[in-house]
Amino acid sequence: MSDHIERAAPVQEQFPTNISVRIHSVHTSGPLLANASIDLNGCFAVRGVKVVQGEHGPFVSMPSYKAGGEYKDVCFPVTKEFREQLHTAVMGAYQQELAQLTQRGQAATDHGSQEAQEPPFPQQTM
């Protein structure tokens, strides 16, 4: 008689993920476009998320530290699908914040004696 017990690999359940994004600040110059924070399902928070302008357009940069001359992410999406979901949520919140800032700027200039001007925000495409 053997004491060997076969165990099945743990099954990873896919839970729906509610991603709440808050844009803290928008920058109008340099490669840093915005600072953000993320809450996952109201039970896990990630601070220090950035929207950065890269060679191929804006991207989401997770909190990182420098080790041996290179940056390593502190936390990151494990699957391609969640990476895309997270990127879409952060970039959507960033675009929404830009739109709100533009509307506020236009409303302020519409009520003043100045003509409406283009806001100093970079145009972003997803």
C-alpha atoms as a PDB file:
ATOM      1  CA  MET A   1       0.000   0.000   0.000  1.00  0.00           C
ATOM      2  CA  SER A   2       1.335   3.390  -0.991  1.00  0.00           C
ATOM      3  CA  ASP A   3       0.999   6.679   0.833  1.00  0.00           C
ATOM      4  CA  HIS A   4       1.137   8.497  -2.492  1.00  0.00           C
ATOM      5  CA  ILE A   5      -1.878  10.759  -2.991  1.00  0.00           C
ATOM      6  CA  GLU A   6      -2.470  12.376  -6.322  1.00  0.00           C
ATOM      7  CA  ARG A   7      -3.484  15.990  -6.137  1.00  0.00           C
ATOM      8  CA  ALA A   8      -4.976  17.973  -8.923  1.00  0.00           C
ATOM      9  CA  ALA A   9      -3.380  21.284  -9.834  1.00  0.00           C
ATOM     10  CA  PRO A  10      -5.153  24.176  -8.159  1.00  0.00           C
ATOM     11  CA  VAL A  11      -7.842  25.648 -10.339  1.00  0.00           C
ATOM     12  CA  GLN A  12      -7.604  29.387 -10.806  1.00  0.00           C
ATOM     13  CA  GLU A  13     -11.022  30.912 -10.818  1.00  0.00           C
ATOM     14  CA  GLN A  14     -11.576  33.914 -13.064  1.00  0.00           C
ATOM     15  CA  PHE A  15     -13.289  36.618 -11.071  1.00  0.00           C
ATOM     16  CA  PRO A  16     -14.762  39.683 -12.750  1.00  0.00           C
ATOM     17  CA  THR A  17     -12.455  42.568 -12.051  1.00  0.00           C
ATOM     18  CA  ASN A  18     -13.822  45.986 -11.236  1.00  0.00           C
ATOM     19  CA  ILE A  19     -11.024  48.470 -11.935  1.00  0.00           C
ATOM     20  CA  SER A  20     -11.501  51.926 -10.460  1.00  0.00           C
ATOM     21  CA  VAL A  21      -8.955  54.475 -11.704  1.00  0.00           C
ATOM     22  CA  ARG A  22      -8.281  57.919 -10.264  1.00  0.00           C
ATOM     23  CA  ILE A  23      -6.135  60.379 -12.185  1.00  0.00           C
ATOM     24  CA  HIS A  24      -4.313  62.559  -9.635  1.00  0.00           C
ATOM     25  CA  SER A  25      -2.516  64.975 -11.922  1.00  0.00           C
ATOM     26  CA  VAL A  26      -2.107  65.657 -15.619  1.00  0.00           C
ATOM     27  CA  HIS A  27       1.185  67.005 -16.954  1.00  0.00           C
ATOM     28  CA  THR A  28       1.414  69.110 -20.108  1.00  0.00           C
ATOM     29  CA  SER A  29       5.148  68.851 -20.751  1.00  0.00           C
ATOM     30  CA  GLY A  30       7.674  66.035 -20.704  1.00  0.00           C
ATOM     31  CA  PRO A  31       7.137  62.304 -21.104  1.00  0.00           C
ATOM     32  CA  LEU A  32       5.064  61.928 -17.899  1.00  0.00           C
ATOM     33  CA  LEU A  33       1.443  62.562 -18.898  1.00  0.00           C
ATOM     34  CA  ALA A  34      -0.388  61.688 -15.663  1.00  0.00           C
ATOM     35  CA  ASN A  35      -0.169  60.122 -12.205  1.00  0.00           C
ATOM     36  CA  ALA A  36      -2.878  57.664 -11.218  1.00  0.00           C
ATOM     37  CA  SER A  37      -4.010  55.122  -8.664  1.00  0.00           C
ATOM     38  CA  ILE A  38      -5.986  51.937  -9.188  1.00  0.00           C
ATOM     39  CA  ASP A  39      -8.393  50.060  -6.907  1.00  0.00           C
ATOM     40  CA  LEU A  40      -9.124  46.452  -7.843  1.00  0.00           C
ATOM     41  CA  ASN A  41     -12.521  45.120  -6.775  1.00  0.00           C
ATOM     42  CA  GLY A  42     -12.534  47.614  -3.929  1.00  0.00           C
ATOM     43  CA  CYS A  43     -10.092  45.424  -1.996  1.00  0.00           C
ATOM     44  CA  PHE A  44      -6.598  45.992  -3.451  1.00  0.00           C
ATOM     45  CA  ALA A  45      -5.021  49.385  -4.209  1.00  0.00           C
ATOM     46  CA  VAL A  46      -2.083  50.209  -6.462  1.00  0.00           C
ATOM     47  CA  ARG A  47      -0.512  53.662  -6.102  1.00  0.00           C
ATOM     48  CA  GLY A  48       2.221  55.189  -8.222  1.00  0.00           C
ATOM     49  CA  VAL A  49       0.767  54.233 -11.617  1.00  0.00           C
ATOM     50  CA  LYS A  50       1.810  56.582 -14.422  1.00  0.00           C
ATOM     51  CA  VAL A  51       0.701  57.349 -17.945  1.00  0.00           C
ATOM     52  CA  VAL A  52       3.878  57.919 -19.957  1.00  0.00           C
ATOM     53  CA  GLN A  53       4.442  59.046 -23.544  1.00  0.00           C
ATOM     54  CA  GLY A  54       6.522  56.402 -25.310  1.00  0.00           C
ATOM     55  CA  GLU A  55       7.899  56.050 -28.826  1.00  0.00           C
ATOM     56  CA  HIS A  56       4.714  54.309 -29.975  1.00  0.00           C
ATOM     57  CA  GLY A  57       2.221  56.408 -28.017  1.00  0.00           C
ATOM     58  CA  PRO A  58       1.120  56.601 -24.400  1.00  0.00           C
ATOM     59  CA  PHE A  59       1.353  53.567 -22.152  1.00  0.00           C
ATOM     60  CA  VAL A  60       0.619  52.607 -18.544  1.00  0.00           C
ATOM     61  CA  SER A  61       3.678  52.322 -16.319  1.00  0.00           C
ATOM     62  CA  MET A  62       3.300  50.342 -13.112  1.00  0.00           C
ATOM     63  CA  PRO A  63       5.164  51.290  -9.902  1.00  0.00           C
ATOM     64  CA  SER A  64       8.788  50.234 -10.223  1.00  0.00           C
ATOM     65  CA  TYR A  65      12.232  50.371  -8.637  1.00  0.00           C
ATOM     66  CA  LYS A  66      15.678  50.585 -10.161  1.00  0.00           C
ATOM     67  CA  ALA A  67      17.977  47.586  -9.719  1.00  0.00           C
ATOM     68  CA  GLY A  68      21.310  47.242 -11.473  1.00  0.00           C
ATOM     69  CA  GLY A  69      20.607  49.945 -14.025  1.00  0.00           C
ATOM     70  CA  GLU A  70      17.155  48.674 -15.070  1.00  0.00           C
ATOM     71  CA  TYR A  71      13.657  49.218 -13.804  1.00  0.00           C
ATOM     72  CA  LYS A  72      11.626  46.354 -12.358  1.00  0.00           C
ATOM     73  CA  ASP A  73       7.872  46.552 -11.803  1.00  0.00           C
ATOM     74  CA  VAL A  74       6.728  46.170  -8.206  1.00  0.00           C
ATOM     75  CA  CYS A  75       3.363  44.790  -9.316  1.00  0.00           C
ATOM     76  CA  PHE A  76       2.038  43.924 -12.754  1.00  0.00           C
ATOM     77  CA  PRO A  77      -0.732  42.113 -14.633  1.00  0.00           C
ATOM     78  CA  VAL A  78       0.062  38.432 -15.071  1.00  0.00           C
ATOM     79  CA  THR A  79      -2.079  37.686 -18.108  1.00  0.00           C
ATOM     80  CA  LYS A  80      -2.294  39.423 -21.471  1.00  0.00           C
ATOM     81  CA  GLU A  81      -6.054  39.778 -21.078  1.00  0.00           C
ATOM     82  CA  PHE A  82      -5.807  41.552 -17.722  1.00  0.00           C
ATOM     83  CA  ARG A  83      -2.938  43.736 -18.980  1.00  0.00           C
ATOM     84  CA  GLU A  84      -5.224  44.898 -21.805  1.00  0.00           C
ATOM     85  CA  GLN A  85      -8.150  45.426 -19.413  1.00  0.00           C
ATOM     86  CA  LEU A  86      -5.969  47.470 -17.041  1.00  0.00           C
ATOM     87  CA  HIS A  87      -4.463  49.526 -19.896  1.00  0.00           C
ATOM     88  CA  THR A  88      -7.933  50.253 -21.291  1.00  0.00           C
ATOM     89  CA  ALA A  89      -9.249  51.338 -17.870  1.00  0.00           C
ATOM     90  CA  VAL A  90      -6.302  53.648 -17.095  1.00  0.00           C
ATOM     91  CA  MET A  91      -6.155  55.178 -20.577  1.00  0.00           C
ATOM     92  CA  GLY A  92      -9.944  55.664 -20.550  1.00  0.00           C
ATOM     93  CA  ALA A  93      -9.745  57.520 -17.227  1.00  0.00           C
ATOM     94  CA  TYR A  94      -6.866  59.624 -18.582  1.00  0.00           C
ATOM     95  CA  GLN A  95      -8.820  60.520 -21.747  1.00  0.00           C
ATOM     96  CA  GLN A  96     -11.872  61.378 -19.624  1.00  0.00           C
ATOM     97  CA  GLU A  97      -9.765  63.627 -17.369  1.00  0.00           C
ATOM     98  CA  LEU A  98      -8.333  65.412 -20.435  1.00  0.00           C
ATOM     99  CA  ALA A  99     -11.854  65.947 -21.782  1.00  0.00           C
ATOM    100  CA  GLN A 100     -13.049  67.360 -18.438  1.00  0.00           C
ATOM    101  CA  LEU A 101     -10.054  69.702 -18.223  1.00  0.00           C
ATOM    102  CA  THR A 102     -10.743  70.866 -21.767  1.00  0.00           C
ATOM    103  CA  GLN A 103     -14.417  71.504 -20.953  1.00  0.00           C
ATOM    104  CA  ARG A 104     -13.484  73.418 -17.784  1.00  0.00           C
ATOM    105  CA  GLY A 105     -10.984  75.494 -19.762  1.00  0.00           C
ATOM    106  CA  GLN A 106     -13.518  76.287 -22.469  1.00  0.00           C
ATOM    107  CA  ALA A 107     -16.206  77.174 -19.932  1.00  0.00           C
ATOM    108  CA  ALA A 108     -13.815  79.554 -18.156  1.00  0.00           C
ATOM    109  CA  THR A 109     -12.816  81.304 -21.390  1.00  0.00           C
ATOM    110  CA  ASP A 110     -16.418  81.403 -22.700  1.00  0.00           C
ATOM    111  CA  HIS A 111     -17.501  83.347 -19.598  1.00  0.00           C
ATOM    112  CA  GLY A 112     -14.542  85.713 -19.701  1.00  0.00           C
ATOM    113  CA  SER A 113     -13.572  88.348 -22.223  1.00  0.00           C
ATOM    114  CA  GLN A 114     -10.982  86.109 -23.859  1.00  0.00           C
ATOM    115  CA  GLU A 115     -11.658  84.017 -26.946  1.00  0.00           C
ATOM    116  CA  ALA A 116     -11.736  80.235 -26.477  1.00  0.00           C
ATOM    117  CA  GLN A 117      -8.241  78.818 -26.853  1.00  0.00           C
ATOM    118  CA  GLU A 118      -6.969  75.319 -27.444  1.00  0.00           C
ATOM    119  CA  PRO A 119      -5.953  73.764 -24.098  1.00  0.00           C
ATOM    120  CA  PRO A 120      -2.257  72.990 -23.629  1.00  0.00           C
ATOM    121  CA  PHE A 121      -2.954  69.235 -23.408  1.00  0.00           C
ATOM    122  CA  PRO A 122      -1.372  66.731 -25.778  1.00  0.00           C
ATOM    123  CA  GLN A 123      -3.800  64.983 -28.105  1.00  0.00           C
ATOM    124  CA  GLN A 124      -3.804  61.252 -27.389  1.00  0.00           C
ATOM    125  CA  THR A 125      -5.128  58.382 -29.432  1.00  0.00           C
ATOM    126  CA  MET A 126      -5.808  54.913 -28.173  1.00  0.00           C
END
